[in-house]
Amino acid sequence: MNKVFISRRLPNIARELLSEEFKVSYNNENKPLEKKKLYDLVENYDAILSTVSDKFTKDILQCKGKLKVISNYGTGIDNIDKNFAEIKGISVYNTPDIVTNSTADLTVSIFLALIRKIIPAQKFVIENKLLFPEGSVIKYILRHQDKGGKEDLEKAKHFIDMIIERDYRDEKEKKESWLKMLPN
């Protein structure tokens, strides 16, 4: 049976699927393998499922024993001397486009954060140790002219009422007020 080595702690599904067809060994630590271990892998395994932190240089690939395949768990293969691997008869694979959607999501998120001024607002709230209601008041007051109009001011008013309720009513009034809010 062909032997496969998984070089980093990856989702269990990788090991489970490979175990159906191969004898699988793996590095259960979440740190790069030492050079000495990489030499051992190249000599004694048929395939390696690696990550970008595992550097398969010409020097390491030179001692190829059984190795037929290196597959990177990621989009790039900059960590593998692909030309030399091919000369030694080692196929090199990766997972192209695997993070395309995630990259697009993050790009749109950053774009929205910039447009909505989320980062400066968060920084202001944190630096001034504001709680959720105070932060919400600031948010709705700052954006009402550009986005929500009167509705945003009503929301700000709601959060101001919450702050008054929380901070300025005596204990008896607070209890009665909160009891009214509970479902029957």
N, C-alpha and C. Protein backbone atom coordinates (compact mmCIF):
# COMPACT_ATOMS: atom_id res chain seq x y z
N MET A 1 0.85 -1.18 0.00
CA MET A 1 0.00 0.00 0.00
C MET A 1 0.89 1.24 0.00
N ASN A 2 0.55 2.22 -0.83
CA ASN A 2 1.33 3.46 -0.91
C ASN A 2 1.20 4.26 0.38
N LYS A 3 2.31 4.92 0.73
CA LYS A 3 2.35 5.70 1.97
C LYS A 3 2.27 7.19 1.67
N VAL A 4 1.41 7.88 2.44
CA VAL A 4 1.23 9.32 2.31
C VAL A 4 1.54 9.96 3.65
N PHE A 5 2.22 11.11 3.60
CA PHE A 5 2.49 11.86 4.82
C PHE A 5 1.83 13.23 4.71
N ILE A 6 1.07 13.60 5.75
CA ILE A 6 0.45 14.92 5.84
C ILE A 6 1.32 15.75 6.77
N SER A 7 1.87 16.85 6.24
CA SER A 7 2.93 17.56 6.95
C SER A 7 2.47 18.51 8.06
N ARG A 8 1.20 18.83 8.14
CA ARG A 8 0.70 19.73 9.18
C ARG A 8 -0.65 19.24 9.67
N ARG A 9 -1.10 19.79 10.77
CA ARG A 9 -2.43 19.49 11.28
C ARG A 9 -3.44 20.13 10.32
N LEU A 10 -4.18 19.29 9.61
CA LEU A 10 -5.18 19.75 8.64
C LEU A 10 -6.55 19.24 9.08
N PRO A 11 -7.61 19.71 8.45
CA PRO A 11 -8.93 19.18 8.79
C PRO A 11 -8.95 17.65 8.68
N ASN A 12 -9.64 17.01 9.61
CA ASN A 12 -9.67 15.54 9.68
C ASN A 12 -10.11 14.89 8.39
N ILE A 13 -10.92 15.58 7.60
CA ILE A 13 -11.43 14.99 6.36
C ILE A 13 -10.29 14.59 5.43
N ALA A 14 -9.20 15.34 5.44
CA ALA A 14 -8.04 15.02 4.58
C ALA A 14 -7.50 13.64 4.94
N ARG A 15 -7.29 13.41 6.21
CA ARG A 15 -6.76 12.13 6.68
C ARG A 15 -7.77 11.00 6.41
N GLU A 16 -9.04 11.27 6.68
CA GLU A 16 -10.06 10.24 6.50
C GLU A 16 -10.15 9.78 5.04
N LEU A 17 -10.19 10.74 4.12
CA LEU A 17 -10.30 10.39 2.70
C LEU A 17 -9.06 9.65 2.21
N LEU A 18 -7.90 10.14 2.58
CA LEU A 18 -6.67 9.49 2.14
C LEU A 18 -6.51 8.10 2.75
N SER A 19 -6.98 7.91 3.97
CA SER A 19 -6.84 6.61 4.65
C SER A 19 -7.63 5.50 3.97
N GLU A 20 -8.61 5.86 3.17
CA GLU A 20 -9.38 4.85 2.45
C GLU A 20 -8.54 4.14 1.39
N GLU A 21 -7.51 4.82 0.87
CA GLU A 21 -6.71 4.26 -0.22
C GLU A 21 -5.22 4.10 0.10
N PHE A 22 -4.76 4.81 1.15
CA PHE A 22 -3.33 4.85 1.44
C PHE A 22 -3.05 4.62 2.92
N LYS A 23 -1.81 4.27 3.21
CA LYS A 23 -1.35 4.23 4.60
C LYS A 23 -0.91 5.66 4.93
N VAL A 24 -1.61 6.30 5.86
CA VAL A 24 -1.39 7.72 6.13
C VAL A 24 -0.68 7.93 7.46
N SER A 25 0.36 8.75 7.42
CA SER A 25 1.03 9.23 8.63
C SER A 25 0.92 10.74 8.60
N TYR A 26 1.06 11.36 9.76
CA TYR A 26 0.90 12.81 9.76
C TYR A 26 1.64 13.46 10.93
N ASN A 27 1.91 14.73 10.74
CA ASN A 27 2.51 15.57 11.76
C ASN A 27 1.35 16.21 12.51
N ASN A 28 1.15 15.84 13.74
CA ASN A 28 0.01 16.36 14.50
C ASN A 28 0.31 17.70 15.17
N GLU A 29 1.52 18.20 14.96
CA GLU A 29 1.88 19.51 15.51
C GLU A 29 1.65 20.56 14.44
N ASN A 30 1.35 21.74 14.87
CA ASN A 30 1.07 22.80 13.92
C ASN A 30 2.30 23.69 13.74
N LYS A 31 3.40 23.04 13.34
CA LYS A 31 4.63 23.79 13.08
C LYS A 31 5.37 23.13 11.93
N PRO A 32 6.20 23.89 11.24
CA PRO A 32 6.92 23.34 10.09
C PRO A 32 7.83 22.18 10.49
N LEU A 33 8.04 21.30 9.54
CA LEU A 33 8.92 20.16 9.77
C LEU A 33 10.38 20.60 9.64
N GLU A 34 11.23 19.94 10.39
CA GLU A 34 12.67 20.21 10.29
C GLU A 34 13.21 19.62 8.99
N LYS A 35 14.30 20.18 8.53
CA LYS A 35 14.91 19.76 7.27
C LYS A 35 15.20 18.25 7.27
N LYS A 36 15.71 17.76 8.39
CA LYS A 36 16.03 16.34 8.50
C LYS A 36 14.79 15.47 8.25
N LYS A 37 13.65 15.89 8.77
CA LYS A 37 12.40 15.15 8.58
C LYS A 37 11.98 15.19 7.10
N LEU A 38 12.17 16.34 6.44
CA LEU A 38 11.82 16.44 5.02
C LEU A 38 12.64 15.46 4.19
N TYR A 39 13.93 15.31 4.51
CA TYR A 39 14.77 14.32 3.81
C TYR A 39 14.18 12.93 3.98
N ASP A 40 13.80 12.60 5.20
CA ASP A 40 13.22 11.29 5.50
C ASP A 40 11.93 11.07 4.71
N LEU A 41 11.10 12.08 4.63
CA LEU A 41 9.83 11.96 3.90
C LEU A 41 10.06 11.69 2.42
N VAL A 42 10.97 12.44 1.83
CA VAL A 42 11.26 12.29 0.40
C VAL A 42 11.79 10.89 0.09
N GLU A 43 12.53 10.32 1.01
CA GLU A 43 13.08 8.98 0.81
C GLU A 43 12.07 7.87 1.04
N ASN A 44 11.15 8.04 2.00
CA ASN A 44 10.34 6.92 2.46
C ASN A 44 8.84 6.97 2.17
N TYR A 45 8.36 8.04 1.60
CA TYR A 45 6.92 8.14 1.32
C TYR A 45 6.68 8.27 -0.17
N ASP A 46 5.53 7.77 -0.60
CA ASP A 46 5.14 7.86 -2.01
C ASP A 46 4.56 9.23 -2.33
N ALA A 47 3.89 9.84 -1.35
CA ALA A 47 3.25 11.14 -1.57
C ALA A 47 3.29 11.95 -0.29
N ILE A 48 3.33 13.28 -0.48
CA ILE A 48 3.33 14.19 0.66
C ILE A 48 2.28 15.25 0.42
N LEU A 49 1.42 15.44 1.40
CA LEU A 49 0.47 16.55 1.39
C LEU A 49 1.09 17.62 2.28
N SER A 50 1.60 18.68 1.65
CA SER A 50 2.39 19.67 2.37
C SER A 50 1.67 21.01 2.46
N THR A 51 2.30 21.93 3.18
CA THR A 51 1.85 23.31 3.23
C THR A 51 3.01 24.20 2.80
N VAL A 52 2.74 25.48 2.61
CA VAL A 52 3.77 26.39 2.09
C VAL A 52 4.97 26.53 3.02
N SER A 53 4.83 26.16 4.28
CA SER A 53 5.96 26.29 5.20
C SER A 53 6.98 25.16 5.06
N ASP A 54 6.62 24.11 4.31
CA ASP A 54 7.54 23.01 4.07
C ASP A 54 8.31 23.29 2.78
N LYS A 55 9.61 23.52 2.90
CA LYS A 55 10.43 23.93 1.76
C LYS A 55 11.10 22.72 1.11
N PHE A 56 10.58 22.36 -0.05
CA PHE A 56 11.16 21.24 -0.80
C PHE A 56 12.11 21.80 -1.85
N THR A 57 13.35 22.02 -1.40
CA THR A 57 14.39 22.59 -2.25
C THR A 57 15.05 21.49 -3.09
N LYS A 58 15.88 21.92 -4.02
CA LYS A 58 16.63 20.98 -4.84
C LYS A 58 17.43 20.04 -3.95
N ASP A 59 18.05 20.58 -2.92
CA ASP A 59 18.86 19.79 -1.99
C ASP A 59 18.05 18.65 -1.37
N ILE A 60 16.84 18.95 -0.96
CA ILE A 60 15.99 17.93 -0.32
C ILE A 60 15.47 16.94 -1.36
N LEU A 61 15.04 17.44 -2.51
CA LEU A 61 14.48 16.56 -3.55
C LEU A 61 15.54 15.67 -4.19
N GLN A 62 16.80 16.06 -4.09
CA GLN A 62 17.92 15.30 -4.66
C GLN A 62 17.94 13.86 -4.12
N CYS A 63 17.56 13.69 -2.88
CA CYS A 63 17.64 12.36 -2.27
C CYS A 63 16.36 11.55 -2.46
N LYS A 64 15.60 11.88 -3.49
CA LYS A 64 14.33 11.20 -3.76
C LYS A 64 14.49 9.68 -3.73
N GLY A 65 13.63 9.08 -2.96
CA GLY A 65 13.58 7.62 -2.91
C GLY A 65 12.31 7.17 -3.60
N LYS A 66 11.25 7.00 -2.83
CA LYS A 66 9.98 6.52 -3.35
C LYS A 66 9.05 7.65 -3.82
N LEU A 67 9.35 8.87 -3.47
CA LEU A 67 8.41 9.98 -3.66
C LEU A 67 7.99 10.15 -5.12
N LYS A 68 6.66 10.20 -5.32
CA LYS A 68 6.09 10.39 -6.66
C LYS A 68 5.29 11.69 -6.76
N VAL A 69 4.74 12.14 -5.60
CA VAL A 69 3.82 13.29 -5.64
C VAL A 69 4.01 14.17 -4.41
N ILE A 70 4.03 15.49 -4.66
CA ILE A 70 3.90 16.47 -3.58
C ILE A 70 2.67 17.31 -3.94
N SER A 71 1.73 17.37 -3.03
CA SER A 71 0.54 18.19 -3.24
C SER A 71 0.46 19.22 -2.12
N ASN A 72 0.42 20.48 -2.51
CA ASN A 72 0.36 21.56 -1.53
C ASN A 72 -1.08 21.82 -1.12
N TYR A 73 -1.29 21.92 0.17
CA TYR A 73 -2.59 22.31 0.71
C TYR A 73 -2.63 23.84 0.67
N GLY A 74 -2.91 24.39 -0.49
CA GLY A 74 -2.92 25.83 -0.69
C GLY A 74 -2.82 26.13 -2.17
N THR A 75 -2.83 27.41 -2.50
CA THR A 75 -2.85 27.80 -3.91
C THR A 75 -1.48 27.87 -4.54
N GLY A 76 -0.45 28.17 -3.80
CA GLY A 76 0.87 28.37 -4.39
C GLY A 76 1.74 27.14 -4.30
N ILE A 77 2.86 27.20 -5.02
CA ILE A 77 3.86 26.13 -4.94
C ILE A 77 5.25 26.73 -4.85
N ASP A 78 5.34 27.95 -4.33
CA ASP A 78 6.63 28.62 -4.21
C ASP A 78 7.58 27.89 -3.27
N ASN A 79 7.07 27.02 -2.44
CA ASN A 79 7.90 26.29 -1.49
C ASN A 79 8.51 25.02 -2.08
N ILE A 80 8.20 24.75 -3.35
CA ILE A 80 8.69 23.53 -3.99
C ILE A 80 9.48 23.91 -5.23
N ASP A 81 10.66 23.34 -5.38
CA ASP A 81 11.43 23.54 -6.61
C ASP A 81 10.78 22.66 -7.68
N LYS A 82 9.76 23.22 -8.33
CA LYS A 82 8.93 22.46 -9.27
C LYS A 82 9.74 21.92 -10.45
N ASN A 83 10.61 22.73 -10.99
CA ASN A 83 11.40 22.28 -12.15
C ASN A 83 12.27 21.09 -11.80
N PHE A 84 12.94 21.17 -10.64
CA PHE A 84 13.80 20.05 -10.24
C PHE A 84 12.95 18.82 -9.88
N ALA A 85 11.80 19.05 -9.26
CA ALA A 85 10.91 17.93 -8.93
C ALA A 85 10.51 17.18 -10.20
N GLU A 86 10.19 17.91 -11.25
CA GLU A 86 9.81 17.26 -12.50
C GLU A 86 10.96 16.47 -13.11
N ILE A 87 12.16 17.02 -13.01
CA ILE A 87 13.35 16.30 -13.49
C ILE A 87 13.50 14.98 -12.75
N LYS A 88 13.20 14.98 -11.45
CA LYS A 88 13.32 13.77 -10.62
C LYS A 88 12.08 12.86 -10.74
N GLY A 89 11.10 13.26 -11.57
CA GLY A 89 9.92 12.43 -11.77
C GLY A 89 8.87 12.59 -10.67
N ILE A 90 8.91 13.70 -9.97
CA ILE A 90 7.94 13.97 -8.90
C ILE A 90 6.89 14.94 -9.43
N SER A 91 5.64 14.53 -9.37
CA SER A 91 4.55 15.42 -9.80
C SER A 91 4.23 16.39 -8.67
N VAL A 92 3.94 17.64 -9.05
CA VAL A 92 3.65 18.68 -8.07
C VAL A 92 2.25 19.22 -8.33
N TYR A 93 1.44 19.25 -7.28
CA TYR A 93 0.06 19.73 -7.40
C TYR A 93 -0.23 20.75 -6.31
N ASN A 94 -1.28 21.51 -6.53
CA ASN A 94 -1.78 22.43 -5.52
C ASN A 94 -3.30 22.51 -5.65
N THR A 95 -3.91 23.40 -4.92
CA THR A 95 -5.37 23.56 -4.99
C THR A 95 -5.67 24.97 -5.49
N PRO A 96 -5.57 25.20 -6.79
CA PRO A 96 -5.81 26.55 -7.32
C PRO A 96 -7.25 26.97 -7.11
N ASP A 97 -7.44 28.25 -6.96
CA ASP A 97 -8.77 28.86 -6.81
C ASP A 97 -9.50 28.47 -5.54
N ILE A 98 -8.83 27.76 -4.62
CA ILE A 98 -9.51 27.32 -3.41
C ILE A 98 -9.90 28.49 -2.52
N VAL A 99 -9.15 29.58 -2.57
CA VAL A 99 -9.47 30.71 -1.71
C VAL A 99 -10.03 31.92 -2.49
N THR A 100 -10.41 31.70 -3.73
CA THR A 100 -10.91 32.81 -4.55
C THR A 100 -12.13 33.46 -3.91
N ASN A 101 -13.11 32.66 -3.52
CA ASN A 101 -14.32 33.22 -2.91
C ASN A 101 -14.01 33.90 -1.58
N SER A 102 -13.17 33.30 -0.77
CA SER A 102 -12.82 33.91 0.51
C SER A 102 -12.10 35.23 0.30
N THR A 103 -11.22 35.28 -0.68
CA THR A 103 -10.51 36.52 -0.99
C THR A 103 -11.48 37.60 -1.42
N ALA A 104 -12.44 37.24 -2.27
CA ALA A 104 -13.45 38.21 -2.71
C ALA A 104 -14.28 38.69 -1.52
N ASP A 105 -14.68 37.77 -0.65
CA ASP A 105 -15.45 38.14 0.55
C ASP A 105 -14.69 39.14 1.41
N LEU A 106 -13.41 38.84 1.65
CA LEU A 106 -12.61 39.74 2.49
C LEU A 106 -12.41 41.10 1.82
N THR A 107 -12.23 41.10 0.51
CA THR A 107 -12.07 42.36 -0.21
C THR A 107 -13.32 43.23 -0.08
N VAL A 108 -14.48 42.62 -0.27
CA VAL A 108 -15.74 43.37 -0.13
C VAL A 108 -15.92 43.83 1.31
N SER A 109 -15.55 42.99 2.27
CA SER A 109 -15.66 43.37 3.69
C SER A 109 -14.79 44.57 4.01
N ILE A 110 -13.56 44.56 3.51
CA ILE A 110 -12.66 45.68 3.75
C ILE A 110 -13.20 46.94 3.09
N PHE A 111 -13.72 46.79 1.88
CA PHE A 111 -14.31 47.92 1.16
C PHE A 111 -15.47 48.52 1.97
N LEU A 112 -16.35 47.67 2.47
CA LEU A 112 -17.48 48.15 3.28
C LEU A 112 -17.00 48.79 4.59
N ALA A 113 -15.98 48.20 5.20
CA ALA A 113 -15.44 48.77 6.44
C ALA A 113 -14.90 50.17 6.20
N LEU A 114 -14.27 50.37 5.04
CA LEU A 114 -13.74 51.69 4.72
C LEU A 114 -14.86 52.69 4.45
N ILE A 115 -15.84 52.28 3.66
CA ILE A 115 -16.95 53.18 3.32
C ILE A 115 -17.76 53.55 4.56
N ARG A 116 -18.04 52.59 5.40
CA ARG A 116 -18.87 52.82 6.59
C ARG A 116 -18.07 53.34 7.78
N LYS A 117 -16.76 53.51 7.60
CA LYS A 117 -15.87 54.04 8.64
C LYS A 117 -15.96 53.20 9.92
N ILE A 118 -16.01 51.89 9.72
CA ILE A 118 -16.16 50.97 10.85
C ILE A 118 -14.92 50.96 11.74
N ILE A 119 -13.75 50.97 11.14
CA ILE A 119 -12.52 50.87 11.94
C ILE A 119 -12.32 52.10 12.82
N PRO A 120 -12.46 53.34 12.29
CA PRO A 120 -12.34 54.49 13.19
C PRO A 120 -13.42 54.50 14.28
N ALA A 121 -14.63 54.07 13.92
CA ALA A 121 -15.71 54.03 14.92
C ALA A 121 -15.39 53.01 16.01
N GLN A 122 -14.91 51.84 15.61
CA GLN A 122 -14.56 50.81 16.60
C GLN A 122 -13.44 51.32 17.51
N LYS A 123 -12.45 51.96 16.90
CA LYS A 123 -11.33 52.50 17.67
C LYS A 123 -11.83 53.52 18.69
N PHE A 124 -12.74 54.40 18.27
CA PHE A 124 -13.30 55.41 19.17
C PHE A 124 -14.04 54.75 20.34
N VAL A 125 -14.85 53.76 20.03
CA VAL A 125 -15.63 53.05 21.07
C VAL A 125 -14.69 52.37 22.06
N ILE A 126 -13.66 51.70 21.55
CA ILE A 126 -12.73 50.98 22.42
C ILE A 126 -11.91 51.95 23.27
N GLU A 127 -11.37 53.00 22.63
CA GLU A 127 -10.54 53.96 23.37
C GLU A 127 -11.32 54.66 24.46
N ASN A 128 -12.60 54.89 24.24
CA ASN A 128 -13.42 55.60 25.22
C ASN A 128 -14.21 54.65 26.12
N LYS A 129 -13.90 53.36 25.99
CA LYS A 129 -14.52 52.32 26.83
C LYS A 129 -16.05 52.42 26.83
N LEU A 130 -16.60 52.61 25.63
CA LEU A 130 -18.05 52.73 25.51
C LEU A 130 -18.67 51.34 25.42
N LEU A 131 -19.84 51.21 25.98
CA LEU A 131 -20.57 49.95 25.89
C LEU A 131 -21.40 49.94 24.62
N PHE A 132 -22.06 48.83 24.36
CA PHE A 132 -22.83 48.67 23.13
C PHE A 132 -23.85 49.80 22.91
N PRO A 133 -24.67 50.17 23.91
CA PRO A 133 -25.65 51.23 23.65
C PRO A 133 -25.01 52.57 23.26
N GLU A 134 -23.92 52.93 23.94
CA GLU A 134 -23.24 54.19 23.60
C GLU A 134 -22.69 54.15 22.18
N GLY A 135 -22.08 53.02 21.84
CA GLY A 135 -21.55 52.86 20.49
C GLY A 135 -22.65 52.95 19.44
N SER A 136 -23.80 52.37 19.75
CA SER A 136 -24.92 52.41 18.81
C SER A 136 -25.45 53.83 18.64
N VAL A 137 -25.52 54.59 19.74
CA VAL A 137 -25.95 55.99 19.65
C VAL A 137 -25.03 56.74 18.69
N ILE A 138 -23.75 56.58 18.88
CA ILE A 138 -22.77 57.27 18.02
C ILE A 138 -22.96 56.84 16.56
N LYS A 139 -23.10 55.55 16.34
CA LYS A 139 -23.25 55.04 14.98
C LYS A 139 -24.45 55.67 14.29
N TYR A 140 -25.61 55.64 14.94
CA TYR A 140 -26.82 56.12 14.29
C TYR A 140 -26.83 57.64 14.12
N ILE A 141 -26.25 58.35 15.06
CA ILE A 141 -26.19 59.82 14.91
C ILE A 141 -25.23 60.19 13.78
N LEU A 142 -24.09 59.52 13.70
CA LEU A 142 -23.12 59.85 12.66
C LEU A 142 -23.62 59.54 11.26
N ARG A 143 -24.42 58.51 11.11
CA ARG A 143 -24.80 58.11 9.75
C ARG A 143 -26.17 58.59 9.31
N HIS A 144 -26.95 59.21 10.19
CA HIS A 144 -28.34 59.50 9.84
C HIS A 144 -28.50 60.37 8.61
N GLN A 145 -27.60 61.32 8.39
CA GLN A 145 -27.74 62.21 7.23
C GLN A 145 -27.42 61.49 5.92
N ASP A 146 -26.54 60.52 5.96
CA ASP A 146 -26.14 59.83 4.73
C ASP A 146 -26.91 58.55 4.46
N LYS A 147 -27.53 57.97 5.51
CA LYS A 147 -28.12 56.66 5.29
C LYS A 147 -29.57 56.56 5.74
N GLY A 148 -29.79 56.51 7.06
CA GLY A 148 -31.12 56.13 7.57
C GLY A 148 -32.06 57.26 7.91
N GLY A 149 -31.59 58.50 7.87
CA GLY A 149 -32.46 59.63 8.16
C GLY A 149 -33.11 59.56 9.53
N LYS A 150 -34.40 59.89 9.56
CA LYS A 150 -35.17 59.93 10.81
C LYS A 150 -35.16 58.57 11.52
N GLU A 151 -35.21 57.50 10.73
CA GLU A 151 -35.21 56.15 11.33
C GLU A 151 -33.95 55.91 12.16
N ASP A 152 -32.80 56.37 11.67
CA ASP A 152 -31.56 56.23 12.44
C ASP A 152 -31.62 57.06 13.72
N LEU A 153 -32.20 58.25 13.65
CA LEU A 153 -32.32 59.08 14.86
C LEU A 153 -33.25 58.42 15.88
N GLU A 154 -34.30 57.75 15.40
CA GLU A 154 -35.21 57.01 16.30
C GLU A 154 -34.43 55.87 16.99
N LYS A 155 -33.58 55.20 16.23
CA LYS A 155 -32.77 54.12 16.81
C LYS A 155 -31.81 54.69 17.85
N ALA A 156 -31.19 55.84 17.54
CA ALA A 156 -30.29 56.47 18.50
C ALA A 156 -31.06 56.82 19.77
N LYS A 157 -32.27 57.34 19.61
CA LYS A 157 -33.11 57.69 20.76
C LYS A 157 -33.40 56.44 21.61
N HIS A 158 -33.68 55.34 20.95
CA HIS A 158 -33.93 54.07 21.65
C HIS A 158 -32.73 53.69 22.53
N PHE A 159 -31.53 53.80 21.97
CA PHE A 159 -30.34 53.44 22.74
C PHE A 159 -30.07 54.46 23.85
N ILE A 160 -30.38 55.73 23.62
CA ILE A 160 -30.25 56.73 24.70
C ILE A 160 -31.20 56.38 25.84
N ASP A 161 -32.42 55.98 25.49
CA ASP A 161 -33.39 55.56 26.53
C ASP A 161 -32.85 54.35 27.31
N MET A 162 -32.20 53.44 26.62
CA MET A 162 -31.61 52.27 27.31
C MET A 162 -30.53 52.71 28.30
N ILE A 163 -29.72 53.68 27.89
CA ILE A 163 -28.65 54.18 28.77
C ILE A 163 -29.25 54.86 30.00
N ILE A 164 -30.28 55.67 29.79
CA ILE A 164 -30.95 56.33 30.91
C ILE A 164 -31.53 55.28 31.85
N GLU A 165 -32.17 54.29 31.28
CA GLU A 165 -32.76 53.20 32.07
C GLU A 165 -31.68 52.50 32.89
N ARG A 166 -30.58 52.22 32.27
CA ARG A 166 -29.50 51.49 32.91
C ARG A 166 -28.80 52.31 34.00
N ASP A 167 -28.57 53.59 33.73
CA ASP A 167 -27.68 54.37 34.59
C ASP A 167 -28.36 55.35 35.55
N TYR A 168 -29.61 55.76 35.28
CA TYR A 168 -30.15 56.88 36.04
C TYR A 168 -31.48 56.64 36.73
N ARG A 169 -32.04 55.48 36.62
CA ARG A 169 -33.28 55.19 37.35
C ARG A 169 -32.92 54.50 38.65
N ASP A 170 -33.72 54.73 39.68
CA ASP A 170 -33.43 54.04 40.94
C ASP A 170 -33.78 52.56 40.80
N GLU A 171 -33.35 51.77 41.76
CA GLU A 171 -33.47 50.32 41.66
C GLU A 171 -34.92 49.86 41.51
N LYS A 172 -35.85 50.47 42.22
CA LYS A 172 -37.25 50.07 42.15
C LYS A 172 -37.81 50.34 40.75
N GLU A 173 -37.54 51.54 40.24
CA GLU A 173 -38.03 51.88 38.90
C GLU A 173 -37.41 50.96 37.84
N LYS A 174 -36.13 50.66 37.99
CA LYS A 174 -35.47 49.77 37.04
C LYS A 174 -36.14 48.42 37.01
N LYS A 175 -36.39 47.86 38.21
CA LYS A 175 -36.98 46.54 38.30
C LYS A 175 -38.37 46.54 37.67
N GLU A 176 -39.18 47.55 37.98
CA GLU A 176 -40.54 47.63 37.42
C GLU A 176 -40.48 47.79 35.90
N SER A 177 -39.58 48.60 35.43
CA SER A 177 -39.45 48.84 34.00
C SER A 177 -39.04 47.56 33.27
N TRP A 178 -38.06 46.86 33.84
CA TRP A 178 -37.58 45.64 33.19
C TRP A 178 -38.65 44.54 33.27
N LEU A 179 -39.41 44.49 34.34
CA LEU A 179 -40.47 43.49 34.45
C LEU A 179 -41.53 43.71 33.36
N LYS A 180 -41.79 44.95 33.00
CA LYS A 180 -42.77 45.25 31.94
C LYS A 180 -42.29 44.72 30.60
N MET A 181 -40.99 44.63 30.42
CA MET A 181 -40.43 44.18 29.15
C MET A 181 -40.46 42.67 28.99
N LEU A 182 -40.60 41.95 30.11
CA LEU A 182 -40.61 40.49 30.06
C LEU A 182 -41.93 40.00 29.48
N PRO A 183 -41.89 38.89 28.73
CA PRO A 183 -43.14 38.32 28.20
C PRO A 183 -43.99 37.75 29.33
N ASN A 184 -45.28 37.74 29.13
CA ASN A 184 -46.22 37.21 30.15
C ASN A 184 -46.10 35.74 30.32
